[in-house]
Amino acid sequence: MNWLTNFVRPSLKEKLKGLVTQKEVPDNLWHKCPGCGHMIFHRDLEKALNVCQHCGHHMRLSVKKRLGMLFDEGHYQRIELPKVADDPLKFKDQKRYTDRLKDTRSKTGEHDAIVVAHGKMGGMNVVVAAFNFDFQGGSMGIAVGEGIVAAAELAVLQDAPLIVVPASGGARMQEGILSLMQMARTTVAVDKVKERRLPYIVLLTDPTTGGVSASFAMLGDIALAEPGAVIGFAGARVIESTIREKLPEGFQKAEYLLEHGMIDMVVPRRDLRATLVRILSLLKNRAPAGELVALPIDTPDAVDED
């Protein structure tokens, strides 16, 4: 029996109801750190660029926040990428591929898993191609291949360094052999940047695996990685089941790859922008190392013709 319903007059009941009813609280105010399990307030997490203040675990960062973090004052200009066929193989599993694309585009607001932008970084023109892991795990299909090609061509056109920020599970299954062909296309694209003697830098984030790591992601002049990022080709469980051996502790983590000479630097997210600016200033600085001083030229005294 509910005494509030049966014995309290309606006017008083409505007043009491307003006092005792719990207000709805958004469920995204607190985030649990996957590394240590601490609950972090969303504003604190945003201020720390999605890095846990307790254990330093680097959580994934959205592509828009990534670009805003890298460019000067967060200002950049995106380019429109070439249109490609959505479902060239008419693929269908439990769901049609076209339907999956529509759902993902609706949720993310992006057309595909890559964003190409250009702007200033440390006052220098830079082209950045960043992956969006929220778009089908950042998988590489024809559209991503076209994005890398467009970024490379823009870098050559602007005589600017190219920075690629992969976050991908590899080639996109629904596009079959066409997605695997992007490994060769993207490799050729970054080679064109190198032929022009322009810096090509790769910032490896969590995760960088599959066909992405087997192509352009491992071809950078300098390879940086965020702490704890998983970088490799096949998954650790697949490797263990294949070789039937236990893998070393931390295998495929950024720190392990640094120790074994696979990457050049592991840089915390708060230091990434400053580190990239310093690297670009060294690689792109074509000015003399110091001020040029004009030296006096000794000339013999003029000889009189007389």
Protein backbone atom coordinates (compact mmCIF):
# COMPACT_ATOMS: atom_id res chain seq x y z
CA MET A 1 0.00 0.00 0.00
CA ASN A 2 1.38 3.40 -0.97
CA TRP A 3 0.56 5.92 1.79
CA LEU A 4 1.60 8.81 -0.49
CA THR A 5 -1.03 7.78 -3.04
CA ASN A 6 -3.85 6.75 -0.77
CA PHE A 7 -3.74 9.08 2.25
CA VAL A 8 -2.19 12.37 1.17
CA ARG A 9 -4.34 14.98 -0.50
CA PRO A 10 -3.52 15.66 -4.17
CA SER A 11 -2.21 19.22 -3.67
CA LEU A 12 0.15 18.16 -0.87
CA LYS A 13 1.04 15.00 -2.73
CA GLU A 14 2.24 16.98 -5.76
CA LYS A 15 4.40 19.18 -3.55
CA LEU A 16 5.94 16.18 -1.81
CA LYS A 17 6.47 14.46 -5.15
CA GLY A 18 8.48 17.41 -6.38
CA LEU A 19 10.69 17.22 -3.29
CA VAL A 20 11.37 13.49 -3.24
CA THR A 21 11.67 12.84 -6.99
CA GLN A 22 15.31 12.36 -8.01
CA LYS A 23 16.58 14.54 -10.79
CA GLU A 24 18.02 12.82 -13.82
CA VAL A 25 21.81 12.95 -13.83
CA PRO A 26 23.69 12.56 -17.14
CA ASP A 27 25.62 9.32 -17.29
CA ASN A 28 28.65 10.89 -18.97
CA LEU A 29 29.79 13.16 -16.13
CA TRP A 30 32.27 10.59 -14.84
CA HIS A 31 34.63 8.33 -16.76
CA LYS A 32 36.33 5.21 -15.47
CA CYS A 33 40.03 4.94 -16.30
CA PRO A 34 40.75 1.62 -18.07
CA GLY A 35 44.21 1.61 -16.54
CA CYS A 36 43.65 2.09 -12.81
CA GLY A 37 39.87 2.10 -12.45
CA HIS A 38 39.62 5.58 -10.92
CA MET A 39 36.55 7.67 -11.69
CA ILE A 40 37.47 10.99 -13.31
CA PHE A 41 35.18 13.99 -13.68
CA HIS A 42 34.61 14.79 -17.34
CA ARG A 43 35.87 18.37 -17.11
CA ASP A 44 39.09 17.26 -15.45
CA LEU A 45 39.53 14.61 -18.13
CA GLU A 46 39.02 17.12 -20.95
CA LYS A 47 41.49 19.52 -19.34
CA ALA A 48 44.06 16.72 -19.19
CA LEU A 49 43.49 15.80 -22.88
CA ASN A 50 41.94 12.45 -21.93
CA VAL A 51 44.94 11.38 -19.85
CA CYS A 52 44.30 9.86 -16.43
CA GLN A 53 45.65 12.12 -13.69
CA HIS A 54 46.18 9.12 -11.39
CA CYS A 55 48.10 6.62 -13.53
CA GLY A 56 48.89 8.51 -16.75
CA HIS A 57 46.87 6.15 -18.95
CA HIS A 58 46.27 7.73 -22.36
CA MET A 59 42.66 7.25 -23.40
CA ARG A 60 41.58 7.70 -27.00
CA LEU A 61 41.14 11.25 -28.20
CA SER A 62 38.53 12.32 -30.73
CA VAL A 63 39.81 13.45 -34.12
CA LYS A 64 38.51 17.01 -33.66
CA LYS A 65 40.24 17.41 -30.30
CA ARG A 66 43.38 15.92 -31.78
CA LEU A 67 43.50 18.46 -34.58
CA GLY A 68 42.65 21.33 -32.24
CA MET A 69 45.50 20.25 -29.96
CA LEU A 70 48.11 20.17 -32.74
CA PHE A 71 47.47 23.33 -34.76
CA ASP A 72 48.34 26.85 -33.64
CA GLU A 73 45.49 28.20 -31.47
CA GLY A 74 43.40 25.25 -32.64
CA HIS A 75 42.82 26.84 -36.06
CA TYR A 76 42.87 24.62 -39.13
CA GLN A 77 41.04 24.11 -42.40
CA ARG A 78 39.70 20.75 -43.50
CA ILE A 79 39.75 19.71 -47.14
CA GLU A 80 36.99 17.92 -48.99
CA LEU A 81 38.06 14.40 -49.86
CA PRO A 82 37.28 12.65 -53.17
CA LYS A 83 34.00 10.79 -53.35
CA VAL A 84 34.25 7.03 -53.69
CA ALA A 85 31.79 4.17 -54.13
CA ASP A 86 30.21 3.28 -50.80
CA ASP A 87 29.76 -0.44 -51.39
CA PRO A 88 31.80 -1.60 -54.40
CA LEU A 89 31.49 -5.32 -53.52
CA LYS A 90 27.80 -5.25 -52.46
CA PHE A 91 28.90 -6.73 -49.15
CA LYS A 92 26.45 -8.13 -46.64
CA ASP A 93 26.91 -10.14 -43.46
CA GLN A 94 24.40 -9.81 -40.63
CA LYS A 95 23.75 -6.34 -41.98
CA ARG A 96 24.24 -4.59 -45.30
CA TYR A 97 27.46 -2.60 -45.54
CA THR A 98 25.59 0.45 -46.82
CA ASP A 99 23.39 0.36 -43.72
CA ARG A 100 26.46 0.15 -41.48
CA LEU A 101 27.94 3.18 -43.21
CA LYS A 102 24.72 5.16 -42.76
CA ASP A 103 24.58 4.32 -39.06
CA THR A 104 28.22 5.20 -38.45
CA ARG A 105 27.97 8.45 -40.41
CA SER A 106 24.92 9.41 -38.39
CA LYS A 107 26.68 8.71 -35.07
CA THR A 108 30.01 10.34 -35.86
CA GLY A 109 28.99 13.11 -38.23
CA GLU A 110 31.93 12.14 -40.47
CA HIS A 111 31.86 10.70 -43.97
CA ASP A 112 34.63 8.18 -43.32
CA ALA A 113 37.47 7.27 -40.98
CA ILE A 114 39.97 9.98 -41.95
CA VAL A 115 40.13 13.75 -41.73
CA VAL A 116 42.69 15.80 -43.67
CA ALA A 117 43.41 19.34 -42.55
CA HIS A 118 46.06 22.00 -43.07
CA GLY A 119 47.13 25.01 -41.09
CA LYS A 120 50.01 26.41 -39.05
CA MET A 121 52.06 24.55 -36.47
CA GLY A 122 54.70 26.65 -34.83
CA GLY A 123 54.14 29.17 -37.61
CA MET A 124 54.92 26.58 -40.30
CA ASN A 125 52.51 25.25 -42.90
CA VAL A 126 51.61 21.65 -42.06
CA VAL A 127 49.23 19.04 -43.49
CA VAL A 128 47.74 16.53 -41.03
CA ALA A 129 45.81 13.36 -41.84
CA ALA A 130 44.17 12.04 -38.67
CA PHE A 131 42.15 8.85 -38.24
CA ASN A 132 38.81 8.67 -36.48
CA PHE A 133 38.69 5.40 -34.51
CA ASP A 134 35.00 5.93 -33.76
CA PHE A 135 34.28 5.36 -37.45
CA GLN A 136 34.29 1.55 -37.73
CA GLY A 137 37.48 1.23 -35.74
CA GLY A 138 39.36 3.58 -38.06
CA SER A 139 39.48 0.80 -40.65
CA MET A 140 41.14 1.60 -43.97
CA GLY A 141 39.00 1.36 -47.08
CA ILE A 142 39.06 3.14 -50.41
CA ALA A 143 38.02 6.45 -48.84
CA VAL A 144 40.90 6.35 -46.36
CA GLY A 145 43.32 5.54 -49.16
CA GLU A 146 42.04 8.52 -51.11
CA GLY A 147 42.45 10.66 -48.00
CA ILE A 148 46.12 9.73 -47.57
CA VAL A 149 46.76 10.36 -51.28
CA ALA A 150 45.01 13.75 -51.07
CA ALA A 151 47.03 14.69 -47.97
CA ALA A 152 50.30 13.78 -49.67
CA GLU A 153 49.42 15.76 -52.80
CA LEU A 154 48.44 18.78 -50.69
CA ALA A 155 51.72 18.60 -48.77
CA VAL A 156 53.67 18.58 -52.04
CA LEU A 157 51.57 21.45 -53.41
CA GLN A 158 52.09 23.58 -50.29
CA ASP A 159 55.73 22.51 -49.83
CA ALA A 160 54.68 21.51 -46.30
CA PRO A 161 55.50 18.63 -43.95
CA LEU A 162 52.98 15.77 -43.74
CA ILE A 163 51.93 14.38 -40.37
CA VAL A 164 49.77 11.25 -40.23
CA VAL A 165 48.02 10.20 -37.02
CA PRO A 166 46.78 6.62 -37.42
CA ALA A 167 44.33 4.98 -35.04
CA SER A 168 43.09 1.91 -36.84
CA GLY A 169 42.34 -1.78 -36.60
CA GLY A 170 43.61 -2.31 -40.14
CA ALA A 171 42.06 -2.82 -43.56
CA ARG A 172 38.27 -2.72 -43.85
CA MET A 173 36.85 -6.21 -44.22
CA GLN A 174 33.74 -5.13 -46.15
CA GLU A 175 35.85 -3.81 -49.04
CA GLY A 176 37.99 -6.93 -49.42
CA ILE A 177 40.89 -6.78 -51.85
CA LEU A 178 40.10 -3.14 -52.63
CA SER A 179 40.99 -2.19 -49.07
CA LEU A 180 44.25 -4.17 -49.27
CA MET A 181 45.17 -2.26 -52.44
CA GLN A 182 45.26 0.92 -50.35
CA MET A 183 48.44 -0.34 -48.68
CA ALA A 184 50.33 0.05 -51.96
CA ARG A 185 48.59 3.31 -52.91
CA THR A 186 49.35 5.01 -49.61
CA THR A 187 52.97 3.83 -49.73
CA VAL A 188 53.41 5.41 -53.16
CA ALA A 189 51.73 8.59 -51.92
CA VAL A 190 54.12 9.13 -49.00
CA ASP A 191 57.07 8.32 -51.27
CA LYS A 192 56.12 11.36 -53.36
CA VAL A 193 56.38 13.50 -50.22
CA LYS A 194 59.83 12.08 -49.50
CA GLU A 195 60.97 12.63 -53.09
CA ARG A 196 60.33 16.34 -52.58
CA ARG A 197 62.51 16.14 -49.45
CA LEU A 198 59.59 17.13 -47.23
CA PRO A 199 59.35 15.76 -43.67
CA TYR A 200 56.95 12.85 -43.24
CA ILE A 201 56.15 12.23 -39.58
CA VAL A 202 53.90 9.53 -38.13
CA LEU A 203 52.29 9.86 -34.71
CA LEU A 204 51.25 6.36 -33.68
CA THR A 205 48.23 6.24 -31.37
CA ASP A 206 46.22 3.45 -29.82
CA PRO A 207 45.71 1.20 -31.72
CA THR A 208 47.77 1.07 -34.93
CA THR A 209 47.47 -2.42 -36.34
CA GLY A 210 46.81 -4.51 -39.44
CA GLY A 211 47.26 -3.15 -42.94
CA VAL A 212 47.77 0.40 -41.65
CA SER A 213 50.84 -0.58 -39.63
CA ALA A 214 52.05 -2.69 -42.57
CA SER A 215 52.09 0.28 -44.93
CA PHE A 216 52.34 4.05 -44.45
CA ALA A 217 52.25 4.00 -40.63
CA MET A 218 55.75 2.54 -40.40
CA LEU A 219 57.37 4.61 -43.15
CA GLY A 220 57.78 7.91 -41.33
CA ASP A 221 61.08 9.75 -41.34
CA ILE A 222 60.43 10.02 -37.61
CA ALA A 223 57.99 7.78 -35.75
CA LEU A 224 56.48 9.06 -32.52
CA ALA A 225 54.03 7.21 -30.30
CA GLU A 226 51.84 7.97 -27.32
CA PRO A 227 52.53 6.06 -24.08
CA GLY A 228 50.88 2.66 -23.93
CA ALA A 229 49.72 2.67 -27.55
CA VAL A 230 49.25 -0.79 -29.07
CA ILE A 231 51.26 -1.00 -32.29
CA GLY A 232 51.62 -4.12 -34.40
CA PHE A 233 50.22 -6.20 -37.22
CA ALA A 234 48.30 -9.17 -35.81
CA GLY A 235 46.76 -9.19 -32.34
CA ALA A 236 48.71 -10.63 -29.43
CA ARG A 237 46.21 -13.47 -28.91
CA VAL A 238 46.44 -14.46 -32.58
CA ILE A 239 50.24 -14.54 -32.39
CA GLU A 240 50.22 -16.59 -29.19
CA SER A 241 47.80 -19.12 -30.64
CA THR A 242 49.93 -19.35 -33.80
CA ILE A 243 53.39 -19.76 -32.27
CA ARG A 244 52.00 -21.41 -29.11
CA GLU A 245 54.27 -19.40 -26.86
CA LYS A 246 53.70 -16.74 -24.25
CA LEU A 247 54.62 -13.28 -25.50
CA PRO A 248 56.86 -10.95 -23.46
CA GLU A 249 55.30 -8.51 -21.03
CA GLY A 250 54.18 -5.32 -22.76
CA PHE A 251 54.58 -6.84 -26.22
CA GLN A 252 53.32 -4.47 -28.97
CA LYS A 253 53.17 -1.53 -26.57
CA ALA A 254 54.88 1.71 -27.58
CA GLU A 255 57.53 1.40 -24.86
CA TYR A 256 58.44 -2.13 -26.01
CA LEU A 257 58.81 -0.95 -29.62
CA LEU A 258 60.99 1.96 -28.53
CA GLU A 259 63.25 -0.38 -26.58
CA HIS A 260 63.64 -2.61 -29.66
CA GLY A 261 64.30 0.22 -32.11
CA MET A 262 61.00 0.17 -33.98
CA ILE A 263 60.04 3.77 -33.17
CA ASP A 264 62.02 6.89 -32.34
CA MET A 265 60.20 8.50 -29.42
CA VAL A 266 57.42 7.91 -26.91
CA VAL A 267 55.95 11.31 -26.07
CA PRO A 268 53.23 12.10 -23.49
CA ARG A 269 50.23 13.82 -25.02
CA ARG A 270 50.82 17.08 -23.19
CA ASP A 271 54.25 17.35 -24.85
CA LEU A 272 53.29 16.22 -28.34
CA ARG A 273 52.68 19.59 -29.92
CA ALA A 274 55.90 21.13 -28.57
CA THR A 275 57.87 18.06 -29.66
CA LEU A 276 56.43 18.13 -33.17
CA VAL A 277 57.11 21.85 -33.53
CA ARG A 278 60.72 21.34 -32.43
CA ILE A 279 61.21 18.45 -34.88
CA LEU A 280 59.66 20.36 -37.76
CA SER A 281 61.76 23.44 -37.04
CA LEU A 282 64.89 21.27 -37.30
CA LEU A 283 63.85 19.40 -40.42
CA LYS A 284 62.29 22.32 -42.24
CA ASN A 285 64.74 25.07 -41.32
CA ARG A 286 66.52 25.97 -44.53
CA ALA A 287 67.95 29.25 -43.25
CA PRO A 288 71.63 29.61 -42.31
CA ALA A 289 72.59 28.44 -38.84
CA GLY A 290 73.73 31.95 -37.92
CA GLU A 291 73.68 35.50 -39.11
CA LEU A 292 75.61 36.11 -42.31
CA VAL A 293 78.30 38.73 -41.89
CA ALA A 294 79.69 40.54 -44.88
CA LEU A 295 83.49 40.38 -44.88
CA PRO A 296 85.49 43.28 -46.31
CA ILE A 297 87.23 42.44 -49.55
CA ASP A 298 90.80 43.64 -49.84
CA THR A 299 91.42 45.27 -53.20
CA PRO A 300 94.84 46.33 -54.48
CA ASP A 301 95.49 50.02 -54.66
CA ALA A 302 94.61 51.55 -57.95
CA VAL A 303 97.65 51.92 -60.17
CA ASP A 304 98.02 55.19 -62.00
CA GLU A 305 98.28 54.74 -65.70
CA ASP A 306 100.85 57.53 -65.78
